[in-house]
């Protein structure tokens, strides 16, 4: 376990290797699981502000779900808010590209220059999950193993790319450049063997 500022980081974030392989998984993280993308409190407000710019990028089923359930739903199990799911399956913001790979409609709007909100930080940080450790009042970063990402683990090993380096942009977005630089320096000093 590593601590940078007020953030506890699991050794697996440094040791495990990962590189998304969308041609293999087809973006399964957008439709697998039993909860939509967890949202931070400010992201709910942001979604409300950017929705009209995102709307043209969404599929009819997603729009119908958002119309019925709202831009986000409350999950009693986690005690937080998440994006709604279409009939308990895919995220309402999921779209497909021309190759049939699931993508985020919010991110498609971002790439088209329609919004400066890329996507929920929980998606951007995946396969790392951020949570608050209530016992000590600190944020925790844990590597989340999921079978649908096995091809990403293999590709990460081929490129010898630790999870935290794969997530450089997301970690900087969440915690800032100085945090990432300190994490990178600490990881190099720890010399943990890659898995």
C-alpha atoms as a PDB file:
ATOM      1  CA  UNK A   1       0.000   0.000   0.000  1.00  0.00           C
ATOM      2  CA  UNK A   2       1.281   3.426  -0.955  1.00  0.00           C
ATOM      3  CA  UNK A   3       0.077   6.797   0.326  1.00  0.00           C
ATOM      4  CA  UNK A   4       0.316   9.959  -1.748  1.00  0.00           C
ATOM      5  CA  UNK A   5      -1.181  12.974  -0.031  1.00  0.00           C
ATOM      6  CA  UNK A   6      -4.598  11.858   1.229  1.00  0.00           C
ATOM      7  CA  UNK A   7      -4.877   8.894  -1.167  1.00  0.00           C
ATOM      8  CA  UNK A   8      -4.127   5.246  -0.375  1.00  0.00           C
ATOM      9  CA  UNK A   9      -3.031   3.312  -3.459  1.00  0.00           C
ATOM     10  CA  UNK A  10      -3.065  -0.471  -3.675  1.00  0.00           C
ATOM     11  CA  UNK A  11       0.200  -2.069  -4.795  1.00  0.00           C
ATOM     12  CA  UNK A  12      -1.755  -3.724  -7.619  1.00  0.00           C
ATOM     13  CA  UNK A  13      -2.259  -0.308  -9.251  1.00  0.00           C
ATOM     14  CA  UNK A  14       1.523  -0.281  -9.694  1.00  0.00           C
ATOM     15  CA  UNK A  15       2.228  -4.007 -10.254  1.00  0.00           C
ATOM     16  CA  UNK A  16      -0.617  -5.099 -12.520  1.00  0.00           C
ATOM     17  CA  UNK A  17      -0.445  -4.352 -16.250  1.00  0.00           C
ATOM     18  CA  UNK A  18      -3.320  -3.123 -18.410  1.00  0.00           C
ATOM     19  CA  UNK A  19      -4.061  -1.684 -21.831  1.00  0.00           C
ATOM     20  CA  UNK A  20      -7.671  -1.567 -23.051  1.00  0.00           C
ATOM     21  CA  UNK A  21      -8.184  -3.922 -25.966  1.00  0.00           C
ATOM     22  CA  UNK A  22     -11.519  -2.819 -27.387  1.00  0.00           C
ATOM     23  CA  UNK A  23     -11.222  -5.021 -30.455  1.00  0.00           C
ATOM     24  CA  UNK A  24     -11.284  -8.039 -28.103  1.00  0.00           C
ATOM     25  CA  UNK A  25     -13.887  -6.998 -25.510  1.00  0.00           C
ATOM     26  CA  UNK A  26     -16.006  -4.715 -27.744  1.00  0.00           C
ATOM     27  CA  UNK A  27     -16.456  -2.305 -24.821  1.00  0.00           C
ATOM     28  CA  UNK A  28     -18.215  -4.857 -22.607  1.00  0.00           C
ATOM     29  CA  UNK A  29     -17.755  -2.700 -19.505  1.00  0.00           C
ATOM     30  CA  UNK A  30     -20.510  -0.456 -20.928  1.00  0.00           C
ATOM     31  CA  UNK A  31     -23.108  -3.248 -20.813  1.00  0.00           C
ATOM     32  CA  UNK A  32     -21.874  -5.751 -18.209  1.00  0.00           C
ATOM     33  CA  UNK A  33     -22.499  -5.411 -14.485  1.00  0.00           C
ATOM     34  CA  UNK A  34     -25.516  -4.501 -12.413  1.00  0.00           C
ATOM     35  CA  UNK A  35     -24.903  -0.770 -11.929  1.00  0.00           C
ATOM     36  CA  UNK A  36     -24.319   2.119 -14.300  1.00  0.00           C
ATOM     37  CA  UNK A  37     -21.265   4.351 -14.077  1.00  0.00           C
ATOM     38  CA  UNK A  38     -20.909   5.673 -10.514  1.00  0.00           C
ATOM     39  CA  UNK A  39     -21.151   9.473 -10.462  1.00  0.00           C
ATOM     40  CA  UNK A  40     -19.473  11.959  -8.177  1.00  0.00           C
ATOM     41  CA  UNK A  41     -21.804  14.642  -6.771  1.00  0.00           C
ATOM     42  CA  UNK A  42     -20.553  17.383  -9.114  1.00  0.00           C
ATOM     43  CA  UNK A  43     -20.910  15.073 -12.113  1.00  0.00           C
ATOM     44  CA  UNK A  44     -24.675  14.913 -11.622  1.00  0.00           C
ATOM     45  CA  UNK A  45     -24.815  18.687 -12.006  1.00  0.00           C
ATOM     46  CA  UNK A  46     -22.445  18.529 -14.990  1.00  0.00           C
ATOM     47  CA  UNK A  47     -24.628  15.941 -16.739  1.00  0.00           C
ATOM     48  CA  UNK A  48     -27.617  18.216 -16.299  1.00  0.00           C
ATOM     49  CA  UNK A  49     -25.671  21.098 -17.842  1.00  0.00           C
ATOM     50  CA  UNK A  50     -24.293  19.211 -20.871  1.00  0.00           C
ATOM     51  CA  UNK A  51     -27.159  16.857 -21.642  1.00  0.00           C
ATOM     52  CA  UNK A  52     -28.553  18.833 -24.592  1.00  0.00           C
ATOM     53  CA  UNK A  53     -25.116  18.743 -26.234  1.00  0.00           C
ATOM     54  CA  UNK A  54     -24.830  14.996 -25.571  1.00  0.00           C
ATOM     55  CA  UNK A  55     -28.395  14.103 -26.608  1.00  0.00           C
ATOM     56  CA  UNK A  56     -27.718  13.918 -30.395  1.00  0.00           C
ATOM     57  CA  UNK A  57     -25.016  11.296 -29.785  1.00  0.00           C
ATOM     58  CA  UNK A  58     -27.272   8.861 -27.902  1.00  0.00           C
ATOM     59  CA  UNK A  59     -29.340   5.927 -29.147  1.00  0.00           C
ATOM     60  CA  UNK A  60     -33.163   5.945 -28.984  1.00  0.00           C
ATOM     61  CA  UNK A  61     -33.245   3.220 -26.277  1.00  0.00           C
ATOM     62  CA  UNK A  62     -30.846   5.227 -24.139  1.00  0.00           C
ATOM     63  CA  UNK A  63     -32.834   8.412 -24.585  1.00  0.00           C
ATOM     64  CA  UNK A  64     -36.058   6.597 -23.676  1.00  0.00           C
ATOM     65  CA  UNK A  65     -34.439   5.256 -20.498  1.00  0.00           C
ATOM     66  CA  UNK A  66     -33.143   8.703 -19.546  1.00  0.00           C
ATOM     67  CA  UNK A  67     -36.594  10.167 -20.222  1.00  0.00           C
ATOM     68  CA  UNK A  68     -38.137   7.557 -17.915  1.00  0.00           C
ATOM     69  CA  UNK A  69     -35.505   7.314 -15.138  1.00  0.00           C
ATOM     70  CA  UNK A  70     -33.573  10.569 -15.362  1.00  0.00           C
ATOM     71  CA  UNK A  71     -29.919  11.290 -16.069  1.00  0.00           C
ATOM     72  CA  UNK A  72     -28.879   9.315 -12.984  1.00  0.00           C
ATOM     73  CA  UNK A  73     -30.396   6.928 -10.485  1.00  0.00           C
ATOM     74  CA  UNK A  74     -29.756   6.318  -6.799  1.00  0.00           C
ATOM     75  CA  UNK A  75     -28.325   2.941  -5.808  1.00  0.00           C
ATOM     76  CA  UNK A  76     -29.112   1.970  -2.226  1.00  0.00           C
ATOM     77  CA  UNK A  77     -26.459  -0.762  -2.218  1.00  0.00           C
ATOM     78  CA  UNK A  78     -23.595   1.631  -2.886  1.00  0.00           C
ATOM     79  CA  UNK A  79     -25.270   4.671  -1.357  1.00  0.00           C
ATOM     80  CA  UNK A  80     -24.466   6.717  -4.447  1.00  0.00           C
ATOM     81  CA  UNK A  81     -25.714   7.797  -7.836  1.00  0.00           C
ATOM     82  CA  UNK A  82     -24.982   6.174 -11.177  1.00  0.00           C
ATOM     83  CA  UNK A  83     -25.989   6.440 -14.817  1.00  0.00           C
ATOM     84  CA  UNK A  84     -29.236   4.586 -15.597  1.00  0.00           C
ATOM     85  CA  UNK A  85     -29.280   1.184 -17.278  1.00  0.00           C
ATOM     86  CA  UNK A  86     -31.450   0.188 -20.234  1.00  0.00           C
ATOM     87  CA  UNK A  87     -33.687  -2.602 -18.874  1.00  0.00           C
ATOM     88  CA  UNK A  88     -31.000  -3.565 -16.336  1.00  0.00           C
ATOM     89  CA  UNK A  89     -28.408  -4.044 -19.114  1.00  0.00           C
ATOM     90  CA  UNK A  90     -26.311  -1.468 -20.961  1.00  0.00           C
ATOM     91  CA  UNK A  91     -25.617   2.051 -19.739  1.00  0.00           C
ATOM     92  CA  UNK A  92     -28.137   4.517 -21.175  1.00  0.00           C
ATOM     93  CA  UNK A  93     -25.211   6.589 -22.499  1.00  0.00           C
ATOM     94  CA  UNK A  94     -23.709   3.655 -24.435  1.00  0.00           C
ATOM     95  CA  UNK A  95     -23.478   3.932 -28.214  1.00  0.00           C
ATOM     96  CA  UNK A  96     -21.757   1.836 -30.886  1.00  0.00           C
ATOM     97  CA  UNK A  97     -19.101   2.934 -33.346  1.00  0.00           C
ATOM     98  CA  UNK A  98     -18.937   1.800 -36.972  1.00  0.00           C
ATOM     99  CA  UNK A  99     -17.073  -1.382 -35.913  1.00  0.00           C
ATOM    100  CA  UNK A 100     -19.754  -2.378 -33.412  1.00  0.00           C
ATOM    101  CA  UNK A 101     -17.628  -1.417 -30.396  1.00  0.00           C
ATOM    102  CA  UNK A 102     -19.462   0.109 -27.434  1.00  0.00           C
ATOM    103  CA  UNK A 103     -18.441   3.656 -26.650  1.00  0.00           C
ATOM    104  CA  UNK A 104     -19.661   6.412 -24.349  1.00  0.00           C
ATOM    105  CA  UNK A 105     -22.055   8.909 -25.957  1.00  0.00           C
ATOM    106  CA  UNK A 106     -20.798  11.573 -23.561  1.00  0.00           C
ATOM    107  CA  UNK A 107     -17.248  10.952 -24.746  1.00  0.00           C
ATOM    108  CA  UNK A 108     -18.380  11.041 -28.383  1.00  0.00           C
ATOM    109  CA  UNK A 109     -19.831  14.520 -27.755  1.00  0.00           C
ATOM    110  CA  UNK A 110     -16.542  15.497 -26.083  1.00  0.00           C
ATOM    111  CA  UNK A 111     -14.492  14.332 -29.087  1.00  0.00           C
ATOM    112  CA  UNK A 112     -16.844  16.246 -31.383  1.00  0.00           C
ATOM    113  CA  UNK A 113     -16.075  19.428 -29.419  1.00  0.00           C
ATOM    114  CA  UNK A 114     -19.624  19.767 -28.049  1.00  0.00           C
ATOM    115  CA  UNK A 115     -18.695  19.592 -24.359  1.00  0.00           C
ATOM    116  CA  UNK A 116     -15.590  19.740 -22.179  1.00  0.00           C
ATOM    117  CA  UNK A 117     -16.878  16.900 -19.951  1.00  0.00           C
ATOM    118  CA  UNK A 118     -15.174  13.740 -21.203  1.00  0.00           C
ATOM    119  CA  UNK A 119     -17.117  11.070 -19.271  1.00  0.00           C
ATOM    120  CA  UNK A 120     -17.695  10.072 -15.647  1.00  0.00           C
ATOM    121  CA  UNK A 121     -14.399   9.821 -13.806  1.00  0.00           C
ATOM    122  CA  UNK A 122     -15.340   6.313 -12.637  1.00  0.00           C
ATOM    123  CA  UNK A 123     -15.236   5.183 -16.288  1.00  0.00           C
ATOM    124  CA  UNK A 124     -12.095   7.167 -17.064  1.00  0.00           C
ATOM    125  CA  UNK A 125     -10.276   5.585 -14.096  1.00  0.00           C
ATOM    126  CA  UNK A 126     -11.309   2.015 -14.879  1.00  0.00           C
ATOM    127  CA  UNK A 127      -9.870  -0.603 -14.041  1.00  0.00           C
ATOM    128  CA  UNK A 128      -9.156   1.348 -10.859  1.00  0.00           C
ATOM    129  CA  UNK A 129     -12.001   1.992  -8.451  1.00  0.00           C
ATOM    130  CA  UNK A 130     -11.857   5.054  -6.220  1.00  0.00           C
ATOM    131  CA  UNK A 131     -13.652   4.903  -2.881  1.00  0.00           C
ATOM    132  CA  UNK A 132     -13.475   6.527   0.522  1.00  0.00           C
ATOM    133  CA  UNK A 133     -12.159   4.403   3.374  1.00  0.00           C
ATOM    134  CA  UNK A 134     -14.513   5.489   6.160  1.00  0.00           C
ATOM    135  CA  UNK A 135     -12.230   4.025   8.851  1.00  0.00           C
ATOM    136  CA  UNK A 136      -9.465   6.502   8.124  1.00  0.00           C
ATOM    137  CA  UNK A 137     -11.278   9.142   6.058  1.00  0.00           C
ATOM    138  CA  UNK A 138      -8.961   8.724   3.081  1.00  0.00           C
ATOM    139  CA  UNK A 139      -9.606   8.052  -0.582  1.00  0.00           C
ATOM    140  CA  UNK A 140      -8.537   4.584  -1.775  1.00  0.00           C
ATOM    141  CA  UNK A 141      -7.524   3.455  -5.248  1.00  0.00           C
ATOM    142  CA  UNK A 142      -7.906  -0.287  -5.831  1.00  0.00           C
ATOM    143  CA  UNK A 143      -7.351  -2.328  -8.960  1.00  0.00           C
ATOM    144  CA  UNK A 144     -10.566  -4.084 -10.009  1.00  0.00           C
ATOM    145  CA  UNK A 145     -10.123  -7.496 -11.639  1.00  0.00           C
ATOM    146  CA  UNK A 146     -12.879  -8.380 -14.084  1.00  0.00           C
ATOM    147  CA  UNK A 147     -12.836 -11.332 -16.463  1.00  0.00           C
ATOM    148  CA  UNK A 148     -14.099  -9.228 -19.368  1.00  0.00           C
ATOM    149  CA  UNK A 149     -10.800  -7.323 -19.196  1.00  0.00           C
ATOM    150  CA  UNK A 150      -8.522 -10.364 -19.544  1.00  0.00           C
ATOM    151  CA  UNK A 151      -7.493  -9.296 -23.075  1.00  0.00           C
ATOM    152  CA  UNK A 152      -6.554  -5.864 -21.688  1.00  0.00           C
ATOM    153  CA  UNK A 153      -4.376  -7.533 -19.057  1.00  0.00           C
ATOM    154  CA  UNK A 154      -2.616  -9.592 -21.733  1.00  0.00           C
ATOM    155  CA  UNK A 155      -2.069  -6.543 -23.946  1.00  0.00           C
ATOM    156  CA  UNK A 156      -0.764  -4.599 -20.943  1.00  0.00           C
ATOM    157  CA  UNK A 157       1.757  -7.372 -20.297  1.00  0.00           C
ATOM    158  CA  UNK A 158       2.878  -7.311 -23.931  1.00  0.00           C
ATOM    159  CA  UNK A 159       3.526  -3.567 -23.622  1.00  0.00           C
ATOM    160  CA  UNK A 160       4.755  -3.787 -19.997  1.00  0.00           C
ATOM    161  CA  UNK A 161       2.326  -1.001 -19.108  1.00  0.00           C
ATOM    162  CA  UNK A 162       1.459  -0.718 -15.402  1.00  0.00           C
ATOM    163  CA  UNK A 163      -2.158   0.187 -14.625  1.00  0.00           C
ATOM    164  CA  UNK A 164      -1.263   3.598 -13.213  1.00  0.00           C
ATOM    165  CA  UNK A 165       0.614   4.549 -16.396  1.00  0.00           C
ATOM    166  CA  UNK A 166      -2.301   3.412 -18.555  1.00  0.00           C
ATOM    167  CA  UNK A 167      -4.459   5.730 -16.421  1.00  0.00           C
ATOM    168  CA  UNK A 168      -2.120   8.733 -16.480  1.00  0.00           C
ATOM    169  CA  UNK A 169      -4.655  11.108 -18.055  1.00  0.00           C
ATOM    170  CA  UNK A 170      -7.471  10.005 -15.740  1.00  0.00           C
ATOM    171  CA  UNK A 171      -5.304  10.191 -12.607  1.00  0.00           C
ATOM    172  CA  UNK A 172      -4.161  13.699 -13.533  1.00  0.00           C
ATOM    173  CA  UNK A 173      -7.781  14.696 -14.211  1.00  0.00           C
ATOM    174  CA  UNK A 174      -8.853  13.395 -10.783  1.00  0.00           C
ATOM    175  CA  UNK A 175      -5.882  14.300  -8.578  1.00  0.00           C
ATOM    176  CA  UNK A 176      -3.638  16.673 -10.551  1.00  0.00           C
ATOM    177  CA  UNK A 177      -0.240  16.555 -12.252  1.00  0.00           C
ATOM    178  CA  UNK A 178       1.779  16.751  -9.010  1.00  0.00           C
ATOM    179  CA  UNK A 179      -0.048  13.695  -7.637  1.00  0.00           C
ATOM    180  CA  UNK A 180       0.733  11.684 -10.764  1.00  0.00           C
ATOM    181  CA  UNK A 181       4.393  12.704 -10.775  1.00  0.00           C
ATOM    182  CA  UNK A 182       4.733  11.705  -7.115  1.00  0.00           C
ATOM    183  CA  UNK A 183       2.998   8.382  -7.805  1.00  0.00           C
ATOM    184  CA  UNK A 184       5.270   7.695 -10.777  1.00  0.00           C
ATOM    185  CA  UNK A 185       8.402   8.503  -8.753  1.00  0.00           C
ATOM    186  CA  UNK A 186       7.238   6.361  -5.827  1.00  0.00           C
ATOM    187  CA  UNK A 187       6.407   3.460  -8.160  1.00  0.00           C
ATOM    188  CA  UNK A 188       9.882   3.590  -9.678  1.00  0.00           C
ATOM    189  CA  UNK A 189      11.489   3.708  -6.212  1.00  0.00           C
ATOM    190  CA  UNK A 190       9.421   0.795  -4.906  1.00  0.00           C
ATOM    191  CA  UNK A 191      10.632  -1.456  -7.725  1.00  0.00           C
ATOM    192  CA  UNK A 192       7.645  -3.778  -7.357  1.00  0.00           C
ATOM    193  CA  UNK A 193       7.789  -6.610  -9.894  1.00  0.00           C
ATOM    194  CA  UNK A 194       5.204  -6.319 -12.662  1.00  0.00           C
ATOM    195  CA  UNK A 195       2.620  -9.103 -12.827  1.00  0.00           C
END
